[in-house]
Amino acid sequence: MRNKIKQLLNKEEGFTLVELLAVLAILALIVGIAVPMIGNVVQKSQVKADDAQIELIVDAARLYQVEKKVKNED
């Protein structure tokens, strides 16, 4: 009975170095895959924002032309 109690008290649970290294390797793999994907998303969103900005400028120029023609006809 005493031996079982001693074993329970002395039993230290934790992670081994191999387990910790395995977890770090898995996390590094995930980060290695995720970072380029995030970079692509940021780049694509920048391109889309630039295209939208160009479209807004073109629309504003067209509106200006239409308003100028209407004023010149008056």
PDB file of N, CA and C in Angstrom:
ATOM      1  N   MET A   1       0.821  -1.196   0.000  1.00  0.00           N
ATOM      2  CA  MET A   1       0.000   0.000   0.000  1.00  0.00           C
ATOM      3  C   MET A   1       0.861   1.254   0.000  1.00  0.00           C
ATOM      4  N   ARG A   2       1.919   1.222   0.827  1.00  0.00           N
ATOM      5  CA  ARG A   2       2.813   2.388   0.882  1.00  0.00           C
ATOM      6  C   ARG A   2       3.522   2.603  -0.446  1.00  0.00           C
ATOM      7  N   ASN A   3       3.883   1.509  -1.079  1.00  0.00           N
ATOM      8  CA  ASN A   3       4.575   1.624  -2.355  1.00  0.00           C
ATOM      9  C   ASN A   3       3.701   2.303  -3.404  1.00  0.00           C
ATOM     10  N   LYS A   4       2.409   1.959  -3.425  1.00  0.00           N
ATOM     11  CA  LYS A   4       1.494   2.581  -4.379  1.00  0.00           C
ATOM     12  C   LYS A   4       1.349   4.066  -4.104  1.00  0.00           C
ATOM     13  N   ILE A   5       1.257   4.435  -2.835  1.00  0.00           N
ATOM     14  CA  ILE A   5       1.137   5.851  -2.476  1.00  0.00           C
ATOM     15  C   ILE A   5       2.409   6.592  -2.876  1.00  0.00           C
ATOM     16  N   LYS A   6       3.561   5.982  -2.612  1.00  0.00           N
ATOM     17  CA  LYS A   6       4.823   6.606  -2.995  1.00  0.00           C
ATOM     18  C   LYS A   6       4.918   6.754  -4.505  1.00  0.00           C
ATOM     19  N   GLN A   7       4.471   5.749  -5.224  1.00  0.00           N
ATOM     20  CA  GLN A   7       4.518   5.822  -6.680  1.00  0.00           C
ATOM     21  C   GLN A   7       3.614   6.934  -7.195  1.00  0.00           C
ATOM     22  N   LEU A   8       2.433   7.063  -6.589  1.00  0.00           N
ATOM     23  CA  LEU A   8       1.521   8.120  -7.009  1.00  0.00           C
ATOM     24  C   LEU A   8       2.088   9.502  -6.689  1.00  0.00           C
ATOM     25  N   LEU A   9       2.728   9.627  -5.532  1.00  0.00           N
ATOM     26  CA  LEU A   9       3.309  10.914  -5.155  1.00  0.00           C
ATOM     27  C   LEU A   9       4.538  11.245  -5.983  1.00  0.00           C
ATOM     28  N   ASN A  10       5.322  10.249  -6.315  1.00  0.00           N
ATOM     29  CA  ASN A  10       6.549  10.481  -7.077  1.00  0.00           C
ATOM     30  C   ASN A  10       6.323  10.527  -8.583  1.00  0.00           C
ATOM     31  N   LYS A  11       5.140  10.158  -8.993  1.00  0.00           N
ATOM     32  CA  LYS A  11       4.859  10.119 -10.424  1.00  0.00           C
ATOM     33  C   LYS A  11       4.732  11.551 -10.948  1.00  0.00           C
ATOM     34  N   GLU A  12       5.678  11.932 -11.786  1.00  0.00           N
ATOM     35  CA  GLU A  12       5.659  13.255 -12.393  1.00  0.00           C
ATOM     36  C   GLU A  12       5.233  13.100 -13.846  1.00  0.00           C
ATOM     37  N   GLU A  13       4.190  13.802 -14.185  1.00  0.00           N
ATOM     38  CA  GLU A  13       3.716  13.740 -15.561  1.00  0.00           C
ATOM     39  C   GLU A  13       4.138  14.997 -16.285  1.00  0.00           C
ATOM     40  N   GLY A  14       4.527  14.843 -17.487  1.00  0.00           N
ATOM     41  CA  GLY A  14       4.945  15.971 -18.308  1.00  0.00           C
ATOM     42  C   GLY A  14       5.210  15.492 -19.717  1.00  0.00           C
ATOM     43  N   PHE A  15       5.756  16.383 -20.505  1.00  0.00           N
ATOM     44  CA  PHE A  15       6.046  16.053 -21.889  1.00  0.00           C
ATOM     45  C   PHE A  15       7.532  15.765 -22.039  1.00  0.00           C
ATOM     46  N   THR A  16       7.826  14.826 -22.894  1.00  0.00           N
ATOM     47  CA  THR A  16       9.230  14.532 -23.160  1.00  0.00           C
ATOM     48  C   THR A  16       9.751  15.512 -24.205  1.00  0.00           C
ATOM     49  N   LEU A  17      11.042  15.561 -24.343  1.00  0.00           N
ATOM     50  CA  LEU A  17      11.662  16.458 -25.313  1.00  0.00           C
ATOM     51  C   LEU A  17      11.238  16.093 -26.733  1.00  0.00           C
ATOM     52  N   VAL A  18      11.110  14.820 -26.997  1.00  0.00           N
ATOM     53  CA  VAL A  18      10.699  14.378 -28.335  1.00  0.00           C
ATOM     54  C   VAL A  18       9.283  14.861 -28.640  1.00  0.00           C
ATOM     55  N   GLU A  19       8.392  14.771 -27.673  1.00  0.00           N
ATOM     56  CA  GLU A  19       7.021  15.238 -27.887  1.00  0.00           C
ATOM     57  C   GLU A  19       6.992  16.741 -28.142  1.00  0.00           C
ATOM     58  N   LEU A  20       7.751  17.494 -27.382  1.00  0.00           N
ATOM     59  CA  LEU A  20       7.799  18.946 -27.580  1.00  0.00           C
ATOM     60  C   LEU A  20       8.381  19.301 -28.945  1.00  0.00           C
ATOM     61  N   LEU A  21       9.412  18.598 -29.350  1.00  0.00           N
ATOM     62  CA  LEU A  21       9.994  18.848 -30.668  1.00  0.00           C
ATOM     63  C   LEU A  21       9.019  18.497 -31.787  1.00  0.00           C
ATOM     64  N   ALA A  22       8.255  17.436 -31.595  1.00  0.00           N
ATOM     65  CA  ALA A  22       7.252  17.063 -32.598  1.00  0.00           C
ATOM     66  C   ALA A  22       6.197  18.150 -32.734  1.00  0.00           C
ATOM     67  N   VAL A  23       5.754  18.692 -31.612  1.00  0.00           N
ATOM     68  CA  VAL A  23       4.753  19.771 -31.641  1.00  0.00           C
ATOM     69  C   VAL A  23       5.337  21.002 -32.326  1.00  0.00           C
ATOM     70  N   LEU A  24       6.577  21.334 -32.005  1.00  0.00           N
ATOM     71  CA  LEU A  24       7.214  22.486 -32.649  1.00  0.00           C
ATOM     72  C   LEU A  24       7.364  22.282 -34.153  1.00  0.00           C
ATOM     73  N   ALA A  25       7.678  21.076 -34.562  1.00  0.00           N
ATOM     74  CA  ALA A  25       7.810  20.786 -35.990  1.00  0.00           C
ATOM     75  C   ALA A  25       6.464  20.932 -36.697  1.00  0.00           C
ATOM     76  N   ILE A  26       5.409  20.461 -36.071  1.00  0.00           N
ATOM     77  CA  ILE A  26       4.066  20.589 -36.656  1.00  0.00           C
ATOM     78  C   ILE A  26       3.669  22.050 -36.754  1.00  0.00           C
ATOM     79  N   LEU A  27       3.918  22.824 -35.709  1.00  0.00           N
ATOM     80  CA  LEU A  27       3.591  24.252 -35.733  1.00  0.00           C
ATOM     81  C   LEU A  27       4.401  24.984 -36.802  1.00  0.00           C
ATOM     82  N   ALA A  28       5.667  24.632 -36.941  1.00  0.00           N
ATOM     83  CA  ALA A  28       6.497  25.256 -37.974  1.00  0.00           C
ATOM     84  C   ALA A  28       5.966  24.934 -39.366  1.00  0.00           C
ATOM     85  N   LEU A  29       5.502  23.716 -39.557  1.00  0.00           N
ATOM     86  CA  LEU A  29       4.927  23.329 -40.843  1.00  0.00           C
ATOM     87  C   LEU A  29       3.664  24.131 -41.129  1.00  0.00           C
ATOM     88  N   ILE A  30       2.816  24.268 -40.151  1.00  0.00           N
ATOM     89  CA  ILE A  30       1.572  25.033 -40.319  1.00  0.00           C
ATOM     90  C   ILE A  30       1.883  26.488 -40.635  1.00  0.00           C
ATOM     91  N   VAL A  31       2.820  27.066 -39.906  1.00  0.00           N
ATOM     92  CA  VAL A  31       3.201  28.462 -40.148  1.00  0.00           C
ATOM     93  C   VAL A  31       3.821  28.606 -41.536  1.00  0.00           C
ATOM     94  N   GLY A  32       4.629  27.646 -41.920  1.00  0.00           N
ATOM     95  CA  GLY A  32       5.248  27.685 -43.241  1.00  0.00           C
ATOM     96  C   GLY A  32       4.243  27.642 -44.367  1.00  0.00           C
ATOM     97  N   ILE A  33       3.130  26.993 -44.151  1.00  0.00           N
ATOM     98  CA  ILE A  33       2.079  26.929 -45.160  1.00  0.00           C
ATOM     99  C   ILE A  33       1.186  28.171 -45.095  1.00  0.00           C
ATOM    100  N   ALA A  34       0.899  28.642 -43.905  1.00  0.00           N
ATOM    101  CA  ALA A  34      -0.059  29.731 -43.724  1.00  0.00           C
ATOM    102  C   ALA A  34       0.494  31.092 -44.133  1.00  0.00           C
ATOM    103  N   VAL A  35       1.749  31.357 -43.855  1.00  0.00           N
ATOM    104  CA  VAL A  35       2.301  32.691 -44.121  1.00  0.00           C
ATOM    105  C   VAL A  35       2.244  33.056 -45.608  1.00  0.00           C
ATOM    106  N   PRO A  36       2.668  32.195 -46.518  1.00  0.00           N
ATOM    107  CA  PRO A  36       2.545  32.570 -47.942  1.00  0.00           C
ATOM    108  C   PRO A  36       1.094  32.754 -48.379  1.00  0.00           C
ATOM    109  N   MET A  37       0.200  31.964 -47.837  1.00  0.00           N
ATOM    110  CA  MET A  37      -1.209  32.117 -48.193  1.00  0.00           C
ATOM    111  C   MET A  37      -1.734  33.480 -47.749  1.00  0.00           C
ATOM    112  N   ILE A  38      -1.368  33.885 -46.552  1.00  0.00           N
ATOM    113  CA  ILE A  38      -1.803  35.187 -46.046  1.00  0.00           C
ATOM    114  C   ILE A  38      -1.197  36.299 -46.896  1.00  0.00           C
ATOM    115  N   GLY A  39       0.061  36.122 -47.285  1.00  0.00           N
ATOM    116  CA  GLY A  39       0.695  37.114 -48.151  1.00  0.00           C
ATOM    117  C   GLY A  39      -0.020  37.257 -49.478  1.00  0.00           C
ATOM    118  N   ASN A  40      -0.460  36.141 -50.042  1.00  0.00           N
ATOM    119  CA  ASN A  40      -1.208  36.185 -51.302  1.00  0.00           C
ATOM    120  C   ASN A  40      -2.541  36.885 -51.126  1.00  0.00           C
ATOM    121  N   VAL A  41      -3.207  36.649 -50.020  1.00  0.00           N
ATOM    122  CA  VAL A  41      -4.493  37.290 -49.768  1.00  0.00           C
ATOM    123  C   VAL A  41      -4.312  38.799 -49.664  1.00  0.00           C
ATOM    124  N   VAL A  42      -3.272  39.224 -48.972  1.00  0.00           N
ATOM    125  CA  VAL A  42      -3.007  40.659 -48.822  1.00  0.00           C
ATOM    126  C   VAL A  42      -2.704  41.279 -50.181  1.00  0.00           C
ATOM    127  N   GLN A  43      -1.897  40.602 -50.979  1.00  0.00           N
ATOM    128  CA  GLN A  43      -1.542  41.129 -52.292  1.00  0.00           C
ATOM    129  C   GLN A  43      -2.777  41.215 -53.194  1.00  0.00           C
ATOM    130  N   LYS A  44      -3.605  40.189 -53.185  1.00  0.00           N
ATOM    131  CA  LYS A  44      -4.809  40.206 -54.010  1.00  0.00           C
ATOM    132  C   LYS A  44      -5.765  41.306 -53.576  1.00  0.00           C
ATOM    133  N   SER A  45      -5.897  41.519 -52.283  1.00  0.00           N
ATOM    134  CA  SER A  45      -6.788  42.573 -51.810  1.00  0.00           C
ATOM    135  C   SER A  45      -6.258  43.944 -52.198  1.00  0.00           C
ATOM    136  N   GLN A  46      -4.943  44.116 -52.216  1.00  0.00           N
ATOM    137  CA  GLN A  46      -4.350  45.384 -52.645  1.00  0.00           C
ATOM    138  C   GLN A  46      -4.646  45.642 -54.121  1.00  0.00           C
ATOM    139  N   VAL A  47      -4.531  44.589 -54.933  1.00  0.00           N
ATOM    140  CA  VAL A  47      -4.827  44.730 -56.368  1.00  0.00           C
ATOM    141  C   VAL A  47      -6.296  45.081 -56.572  1.00  0.00           C
ATOM    142  N   LYS A  48      -7.173  44.428 -55.840  1.00  0.00           N
ATOM    143  CA  LYS A  48      -8.607  44.726 -55.960  1.00  0.00           C
ATOM    144  C   LYS A  48      -8.913  46.145 -55.511  1.00  0.00           C
ATOM    145  N   ALA A  49      -8.263  46.597 -54.453  1.00  0.00           N
ATOM    146  CA  ALA A  49      -8.472  47.966 -53.979  1.00  0.00           C
ATOM    147  C   ALA A  49      -7.982  48.972 -55.012  1.00  0.00           C
ATOM    148  N   ASP A  50      -6.850  48.684 -55.645  1.00  0.00           N
ATOM    149  CA  ASP A  50      -6.339  49.570 -56.687  1.00  0.00           C
ATOM    150  C   ASP A  50      -7.295  49.627 -57.876  1.00  0.00           C
ATOM    151  N   ASP A  51      -7.831  48.481 -58.276  1.00  0.00           N
ATOM    152  CA  ASP A  51      -8.788  48.447 -59.390  1.00  0.00           C
ATOM    153  C   ASP A  51     -10.053  49.244 -59.054  1.00  0.00           C
ATOM    154  N   ALA A  52     -10.524  49.112 -57.838  1.00  0.00           N
ATOM    155  CA  ALA A  52     -11.713  49.858 -57.422  1.00  0.00           C
ATOM    156  C   ALA A  52     -11.431  51.360 -57.426  1.00  0.00           C
ATOM    157  N   GLN A  53     -10.245  51.746 -56.990  1.00  0.00           N
ATOM    158  CA  GLN A  53      -9.868  53.157 -56.974  1.00  0.00           C
ATOM    159  C   GLN A  53      -9.819  53.715 -58.400  1.00  0.00           C
ATOM    160  N   ILE A  54      -9.258  52.943 -59.319  1.00  0.00           N
ATOM    161  CA  ILE A  54      -9.201  53.368 -60.727  1.00  0.00           C
ATOM    162  C   ILE A  54     -10.605  53.538 -61.286  1.00  0.00           C
ATOM    163  N   GLU A  55     -11.470  52.598 -60.952  1.00  0.00           N
ATOM    164  CA  GLU A  55     -12.848  52.671 -61.432  1.00  0.00           C
ATOM    165  C   GLU A  55     -13.556  53.914 -60.896  1.00  0.00           C
ATOM    166  N   LEU A  56     -13.311  54.242 -59.636  1.00  0.00           N
ATOM    167  CA  LEU A  56     -13.911  55.440 -59.056  1.00  0.00           C
ATOM    168  C   LEU A  56     -13.410  56.705 -59.749  1.00  0.00           C
ATOM    169  N   ILE A  57     -12.133  56.756 -60.071  1.00  0.00           N
ATOM    170  CA  ILE A  57     -11.572  57.929 -60.742  1.00  0.00           C
ATOM    171  C   ILE A  57     -12.162  58.088 -62.144  1.00  0.00           C
ATOM    172  N   VAL A  58     -12.293  56.976 -62.858  1.00  0.00           N
ATOM    173  CA  VAL A  58     -12.879  57.018 -64.205  1.00  0.00           C
ATOM    174  C   VAL A  58     -14.328  57.478 -64.135  1.00  0.00           C
ATOM    175  N   ASP A  59     -15.083  56.965 -63.177  1.00  0.00           N
ATOM    176  CA  ASP A  59     -16.477  57.383 -63.023  1.00  0.00           C
ATOM    177  C   ASP A  59     -16.573  58.868 -62.677  1.00  0.00           C
ATOM    178  N   ALA A  60     -15.683  59.354 -61.838  1.00  0.00           N
ATOM    179  CA  ALA A  60     -15.696  60.775 -61.484  1.00  0.00           C
ATOM    180  C   ALA A  60     -15.369  61.629 -62.697  1.00  0.00           C
ATOM    181  N   ALA A  61     -14.433  61.185 -63.524  1.00  0.00           N
ATOM    182  CA  ALA A  61     -14.085  61.934 -64.733  1.00  0.00           C
ATOM    183  C   ALA A  61     -15.265  61.975 -65.699  1.00  0.00           C
ATOM    184  N   ARG A  62     -15.953  60.852 -65.843  1.00  0.00           N
ATOM    185  CA  ARG A  62     -17.134  60.828 -66.727  1.00  0.00           C
ATOM    186  C   ARG A  62     -18.221  61.759 -66.205  1.00  0.00           C
ATOM    187  N   LEU A  63     -18.450  61.734 -64.914  1.00  0.00           N
ATOM    188  CA  LEU A  63     -19.459  62.613 -64.314  1.00  0.00           C
ATOM    189  C   LEU A  63     -19.088  64.072 -64.538  1.00  0.00           C
ATOM    190  N   TYR A  64     -17.816  64.392 -64.403  1.00  0.00           N
ATOM    191  CA  TYR A  64     -17.350  65.757 -64.637  1.00  0.00           C
ATOM    192  C   TYR A  64     -17.623  66.174 -66.084  1.00  0.00           C
ATOM    193  N   GLN A  65     -17.341  65.278 -67.028  1.00  0.00           N
ATOM    194  CA  GLN A  65     -17.587  65.588 -68.437  1.00  0.00           C
ATOM    195  C   GLN A  65     -19.062  65.833 -68.695  1.00  0.00           C
ATOM    196  N   VAL A  66     -19.909  64.994 -68.136  1.00  0.00           N
ATOM    197  CA  VAL A  66     -21.354  65.141 -68.342  1.00  0.00           C
ATOM    198  C   VAL A  66     -21.836  66.461 -67.755  1.00  0.00           C
ATOM    199  N   GLU A  67     -21.389  66.794 -66.553  1.00  0.00           N
ATOM    200  CA  GLU A  67     -21.820  68.046 -65.920  1.00  0.00           C
ATOM    201  C   GLU A  67     -21.299  69.257 -66.693  1.00  0.00           C
ATOM    202  N   LYS A  68     -20.085  69.164 -67.215  1.00  0.00           N
ATOM    203  CA  LYS A  68     -19.520  70.283 -67.968  1.00  0.00           C
ATOM    204  C   LYS A  68     -20.281  70.494 -69.271  1.00  0.00           C
ATOM    205  N   LYS A  69     -20.681  69.408 -69.936  1.00  0.00           N
ATOM    206  CA  LYS A  69     -21.444  69.529 -71.173  1.00  0.00           C
ATOM    207  C   LYS A  69     -22.799  70.148 -70.907  1.00  0.00           C
ATOM    208  N   VAL A  70     -23.435  69.762 -69.797  1.00  0.00           N
ATOM    209  CA  VAL A  70     -24.748  70.311 -69.478  1.00  0.00           C
ATOM    210  C   VAL A  70     -24.636  71.794 -69.201  1.00  0.00           C
ATOM    211  N   LYS A  71     -23.608  72.240 -68.520  1.00  0.00           N
ATOM    212  CA  LYS A  71     -23.428  73.667 -68.211  1.00  0.00           C
ATOM    213  C   LYS A  71     -23.107  74.465 -69.484  1.00  0.00           C
ATOM    214  N   ASN A  72     -22.342  73.860 -70.407  1.00  0.00           N
ATOM    215  CA  ASN A  72     -22.001  74.547 -71.626  1.00  0.00           C
ATOM    216  C   ASN A  72     -23.201  74.677 -72.557  1.00  0.00           C
ATOM    217  N   GLU A  73     -24.140  73.767 -72.489  1.00  0.00           N
ATOM    218  CA  GLU A  73     -25.329  73.825 -73.332  1.00  0.00           C
ATOM    219  C   GLU A  73     -26.307  74.891 -72.844  1.00  0.00           C
ATOM    220  N   ASP A  74     -26.246  75.227 -71.559  1.00  0.00           N
ATOM    221  CA  ASP A  74     -27.170  76.244 -71.000  1.00  0.00           C
ATOM    222  C   ASP A  74     -26.869  77.589 -71.505  1.00  0.00           C
TER     223      ASP A  74
END
